[in-house]
Amino acid sequence: MKKYLLAFWSFFFCIFTSIAIYAENSPKPYIDSANKKEQSGDYAGAIKDYNKAINFDPGNPEVYFYRAKAKPNIEDDIGVIQDCEP
């Protein structure tokens, strides 16, 4: 019985640690936070979170799209164009 409990807790620990490491090294939490801020009208805060997401994954076009979508709300028309350039 002790072997099974040890195996269970070891497995649980590995899964939990993997999730924590993924969350720390992933842009997803910042994208989710930015989307919520944008929906609530906090466009400057959303753009800051999109910037953090871009730092994690600068090759992700989705984040640039979301940031470009938020920028007109703070009257950053040049930033919109820059985000849409390849």
N, C-alpha and C. Protein backbone atom coordinates (compact mmCIF):
# COMPACT_ATOMS: atom_id res chain seq x y z
N MET A 1 0.82 -1.20 0.00
CA MET A 1 0.00 0.00 0.00
C MET A 1 0.87 1.26 0.00
N LYS A 2 1.97 1.21 0.75
CA LYS A 2 2.85 2.38 0.80
C LYS A 2 3.45 2.68 -0.57
N LYS A 3 3.75 1.62 -1.34
CA LYS A 3 4.30 1.81 -2.67
C LYS A 3 3.32 2.57 -3.56
N TYR A 4 2.04 2.21 -3.46
CA TYR A 4 1.03 2.86 -4.29
C TYR A 4 0.85 4.32 -3.90
N LEU A 5 0.85 4.59 -2.61
CA LEU A 5 0.73 5.98 -2.17
C LEU A 5 1.93 6.80 -2.61
N LEU A 6 3.11 6.22 -2.48
CA LEU A 6 4.31 6.92 -2.91
C LEU A 6 4.26 7.18 -4.41
N ALA A 7 3.85 6.20 -5.17
CA ALA A 7 3.75 6.36 -6.62
C ALA A 7 2.71 7.42 -6.98
N PHE A 8 1.59 7.40 -6.29
CA PHE A 8 0.53 8.38 -6.54
C PHE A 8 1.03 9.79 -6.27
N TRP A 9 1.64 10.01 -5.11
CA TRP A 9 2.10 11.34 -4.76
C TRP A 9 3.25 11.79 -5.66
N SER A 10 4.08 10.88 -6.07
CA SER A 10 5.16 11.22 -7.00
C SER A 10 4.59 11.68 -8.34
N PHE A 11 3.61 10.94 -8.82
CA PHE A 11 2.95 11.30 -10.08
C PHE A 11 2.26 12.67 -9.96
N PHE A 12 1.53 12.87 -8.87
CA PHE A 12 0.84 14.13 -8.63
C PHE A 12 1.83 15.29 -8.58
N PHE A 13 2.94 15.09 -7.88
CA PHE A 13 3.96 16.13 -7.77
C PHE A 13 4.54 16.48 -9.14
N CYS A 14 4.83 15.47 -9.95
CA CYS A 14 5.37 15.70 -11.29
C CYS A 14 4.39 16.49 -12.16
N ILE A 15 3.14 16.14 -12.12
CA ILE A 15 2.13 16.85 -12.91
C ILE A 15 2.00 18.29 -12.44
N PHE A 16 1.91 18.49 -11.14
CA PHE A 16 1.76 19.83 -10.59
C PHE A 16 2.96 20.70 -10.93
N THR A 17 4.16 20.14 -10.81
CA THR A 17 5.37 20.89 -11.12
C THR A 17 5.43 21.24 -12.59
N SER A 18 5.03 20.32 -13.45
CA SER A 18 5.03 20.59 -14.89
C SER A 18 4.08 21.72 -15.24
N ILE A 19 2.92 21.73 -14.63
CA ILE A 19 1.95 22.80 -14.88
C ILE A 19 2.50 24.14 -14.41
N ALA A 20 3.12 24.15 -13.25
CA ALA A 20 3.68 25.40 -12.71
C ALA A 20 4.79 25.93 -13.61
N ILE A 21 5.64 25.04 -14.09
CA ILE A 21 6.72 25.46 -14.97
C ILE A 21 6.16 25.98 -16.29
N TYR A 22 5.16 25.32 -16.84
CA TYR A 22 4.54 25.77 -18.08
C TYR A 22 3.93 27.16 -17.90
N ALA A 23 3.26 27.37 -16.80
CA ALA A 23 2.61 28.67 -16.56
C ALA A 23 3.64 29.78 -16.45
N GLU A 24 4.80 29.49 -15.87
CA GLU A 24 5.83 30.51 -15.73
C GLU A 24 6.51 30.82 -17.05
N ASN A 25 6.54 29.87 -17.96
CA ASN A 25 7.25 30.03 -19.21
C ASN A 25 6.32 30.11 -20.42
N SER A 26 5.12 30.57 -20.19
CA SER A 26 4.13 30.61 -21.25
C SER A 26 3.51 32.01 -21.33
N PRO A 27 3.20 32.45 -22.53
CA PRO A 27 2.54 33.74 -22.65
C PRO A 27 1.04 33.68 -22.32
N LYS A 28 0.48 32.48 -22.22
CA LYS A 28 -0.97 32.33 -22.05
C LYS A 28 -1.54 33.10 -20.86
N PRO A 29 -0.92 33.06 -19.67
CA PRO A 29 -1.51 33.83 -18.56
C PRO A 29 -1.58 35.33 -18.86
N TYR A 30 -0.58 35.84 -19.57
CA TYR A 30 -0.60 37.26 -19.91
C TYR A 30 -1.65 37.56 -20.98
N ILE A 31 -1.81 36.66 -21.92
CA ILE A 31 -2.84 36.84 -22.95
C ILE A 31 -4.23 36.82 -22.32
N ASP A 32 -4.46 35.86 -21.43
CA ASP A 32 -5.76 35.78 -20.75
C ASP A 32 -6.03 37.04 -19.93
N SER A 33 -5.02 37.50 -19.20
CA SER A 33 -5.17 38.71 -18.39
C SER A 33 -5.44 39.93 -19.28
N ALA A 34 -4.71 40.02 -20.38
CA ALA A 34 -4.89 41.14 -21.29
C ALA A 34 -6.28 41.14 -21.91
N ASN A 35 -6.76 39.97 -22.28
CA ASN A 35 -8.11 39.89 -22.86
C ASN A 35 -9.17 40.36 -21.87
N LYS A 36 -9.01 39.98 -20.60
CA LYS A 36 -9.96 40.43 -19.56
C LYS A 36 -9.89 41.94 -19.38
N LYS A 37 -8.67 42.46 -19.36
CA LYS A 37 -8.51 43.91 -19.18
C LYS A 37 -9.11 44.67 -20.36
N GLU A 38 -8.90 44.14 -21.57
CA GLU A 38 -9.45 44.80 -22.75
C GLU A 38 -10.97 44.79 -22.71
N GLN A 39 -11.56 43.68 -22.30
CA GLN A 39 -13.01 43.59 -22.22
C GLN A 39 -13.58 44.54 -21.18
N SER A 40 -12.80 44.83 -20.13
CA SER A 40 -13.30 45.74 -19.09
C SER A 40 -12.98 47.20 -19.40
N GLY A 41 -12.28 47.45 -20.52
CA GLY A 41 -11.99 48.83 -20.90
C GLY A 41 -10.62 49.33 -20.47
N ASP A 42 -9.81 48.48 -19.84
CA ASP A 42 -8.46 48.87 -19.43
C ASP A 42 -7.49 48.56 -20.57
N TYR A 43 -7.51 49.40 -21.59
CA TYR A 43 -6.73 49.14 -22.79
C TYR A 43 -5.23 49.29 -22.55
N ALA A 44 -4.83 50.27 -21.76
CA ALA A 44 -3.41 50.44 -21.47
C ALA A 44 -2.87 49.23 -20.70
N GLY A 45 -3.64 48.74 -19.74
CA GLY A 45 -3.24 47.54 -18.99
C GLY A 45 -3.19 46.32 -19.88
N ALA A 46 -4.13 46.23 -20.81
CA ALA A 46 -4.15 45.09 -21.74
C ALA A 46 -2.90 45.12 -22.62
N ILE A 47 -2.54 46.28 -23.10
CA ILE A 47 -1.37 46.40 -23.97
C ILE A 47 -0.10 46.03 -23.20
N LYS A 48 -0.02 46.41 -21.94
CA LYS A 48 1.14 46.02 -21.12
C LYS A 48 1.23 44.51 -20.99
N ASP A 49 0.10 43.86 -20.80
CA ASP A 49 0.10 42.39 -20.70
C ASP A 49 0.42 41.74 -22.04
N TYR A 50 -0.07 42.32 -23.13
CA TYR A 50 0.28 41.79 -24.45
C TYR A 50 1.78 41.94 -24.68
N ASN A 51 2.37 43.04 -24.23
CA ASN A 51 3.82 43.23 -24.35
C ASN A 51 4.57 42.13 -23.61
N LYS A 52 4.09 41.79 -22.43
CA LYS A 52 4.72 40.70 -21.65
C LYS A 52 4.59 39.37 -22.39
N ALA A 53 3.45 39.13 -22.99
CA ALA A 53 3.24 37.89 -23.75
C ALA A 53 4.19 37.84 -24.95
N ILE A 54 4.39 38.98 -25.59
CA ILE A 54 5.29 39.04 -26.74
C ILE A 54 6.73 38.76 -26.30
N ASN A 55 7.10 39.21 -25.12
CA ASN A 55 8.45 38.91 -24.61
C ASN A 55 8.67 37.41 -24.48
N PHE A 56 7.63 36.66 -24.11
CA PHE A 56 7.73 35.21 -23.99
C PHE A 56 7.75 34.53 -25.36
N ASP A 57 6.98 35.05 -26.30
CA ASP A 57 6.84 34.39 -27.60
C ASP A 57 6.76 35.43 -28.70
N PRO A 58 7.89 36.01 -29.08
CA PRO A 58 7.87 37.09 -30.07
C PRO A 58 7.43 36.66 -31.47
N GLY A 59 7.37 35.37 -31.74
CA GLY A 59 6.95 34.90 -33.05
C GLY A 59 5.48 34.55 -33.14
N ASN A 60 4.71 34.88 -32.11
CA ASN A 60 3.29 34.52 -32.07
C ASN A 60 2.46 35.65 -32.69
N PRO A 61 1.96 35.48 -33.91
CA PRO A 61 1.21 36.56 -34.56
C PRO A 61 -0.11 36.88 -33.88
N GLU A 62 -0.67 35.92 -33.18
CA GLU A 62 -1.95 36.14 -32.50
C GLU A 62 -1.84 37.27 -31.47
N VAL A 63 -0.73 37.32 -30.74
CA VAL A 63 -0.56 38.34 -29.72
C VAL A 63 -0.44 39.72 -30.36
N TYR A 64 0.28 39.80 -31.48
CA TYR A 64 0.38 41.08 -32.19
C TYR A 64 -0.98 41.53 -32.69
N PHE A 65 -1.80 40.60 -33.15
CA PHE A 65 -3.15 40.93 -33.60
C PHE A 65 -3.98 41.51 -32.45
N TYR A 66 -3.95 40.83 -31.31
CA TYR A 66 -4.71 41.31 -30.16
C TYR A 66 -4.23 42.69 -29.72
N ARG A 67 -2.91 42.87 -29.69
CA ARG A 67 -2.38 44.17 -29.27
C ARG A 67 -2.77 45.25 -30.27
N ALA A 68 -2.71 44.93 -31.57
CA ALA A 68 -3.11 45.90 -32.59
C ALA A 68 -4.58 46.26 -32.46
N LYS A 69 -5.38 45.29 -32.03
CA LYS A 69 -6.81 45.54 -31.86
C LYS A 69 -7.08 46.47 -30.68
N ALA A 70 -6.21 46.45 -29.68
CA ALA A 70 -6.40 47.29 -28.49
C ALA A 70 -5.85 48.71 -28.68
N LYS A 71 -4.87 48.86 -29.53
CA LYS A 71 -4.17 50.15 -29.65
C LYS A 71 -5.02 51.32 -30.14
N PRO A 72 -6.01 51.14 -31.03
CA PRO A 72 -6.81 52.30 -31.43
C PRO A 72 -7.54 52.95 -30.25
N ASN A 73 -7.80 52.17 -29.22
CA ASN A 73 -8.51 52.70 -28.06
C ASN A 73 -7.66 53.65 -27.23
N ILE A 74 -6.34 53.62 -27.43
CA ILE A 74 -5.48 54.60 -26.78
C ILE A 74 -4.87 55.55 -27.82
N GLU A 75 -5.48 55.56 -29.01
CA GLU A 75 -5.10 56.43 -30.12
C GLU A 75 -3.65 56.23 -30.56
N ASP A 76 -3.24 54.98 -30.64
CA ASP A 76 -1.89 54.63 -31.11
C ASP A 76 -2.01 54.02 -32.50
N ASP A 77 -2.35 54.86 -33.48
CA ASP A 77 -2.56 54.39 -34.85
C ASP A 77 -1.26 53.87 -35.48
N ILE A 78 -0.15 54.50 -35.18
CA ILE A 78 1.13 54.04 -35.72
C ILE A 78 1.48 52.66 -35.14
N GLY A 79 1.19 52.47 -33.86
CA GLY A 79 1.42 51.17 -33.24
C GLY A 79 0.60 50.06 -33.88
N VAL A 80 -0.61 50.39 -34.29
CA VAL A 80 -1.47 49.41 -34.98
C VAL A 80 -0.80 48.98 -36.27
N ILE A 81 -0.32 49.94 -37.03
CA ILE A 81 0.33 49.62 -38.30
C ILE A 81 1.58 48.77 -38.06
N GLN A 82 2.37 49.14 -37.06
CA GLN A 82 3.59 48.39 -36.76
C GLN A 82 3.28 46.94 -36.35
N ASP A 83 2.23 46.76 -35.59
CA ASP A 83 1.86 45.41 -35.16
C ASP A 83 1.35 44.57 -36.32
N CYS A 84 0.83 45.21 -37.35
CA CYS A 84 0.26 44.47 -38.49
C CYS A 84 1.29 44.21 -39.58
N GLU A 85 2.47 44.79 -39.46
CA GLU A 85 3.51 44.54 -40.46
C GLU A 85 4.13 43.18 -40.23
N PRO A 86 4.48 42.50 -41.31
CA PRO A 86 5.13 41.18 -41.16
C PRO A 86 6.56 41.29 -40.67
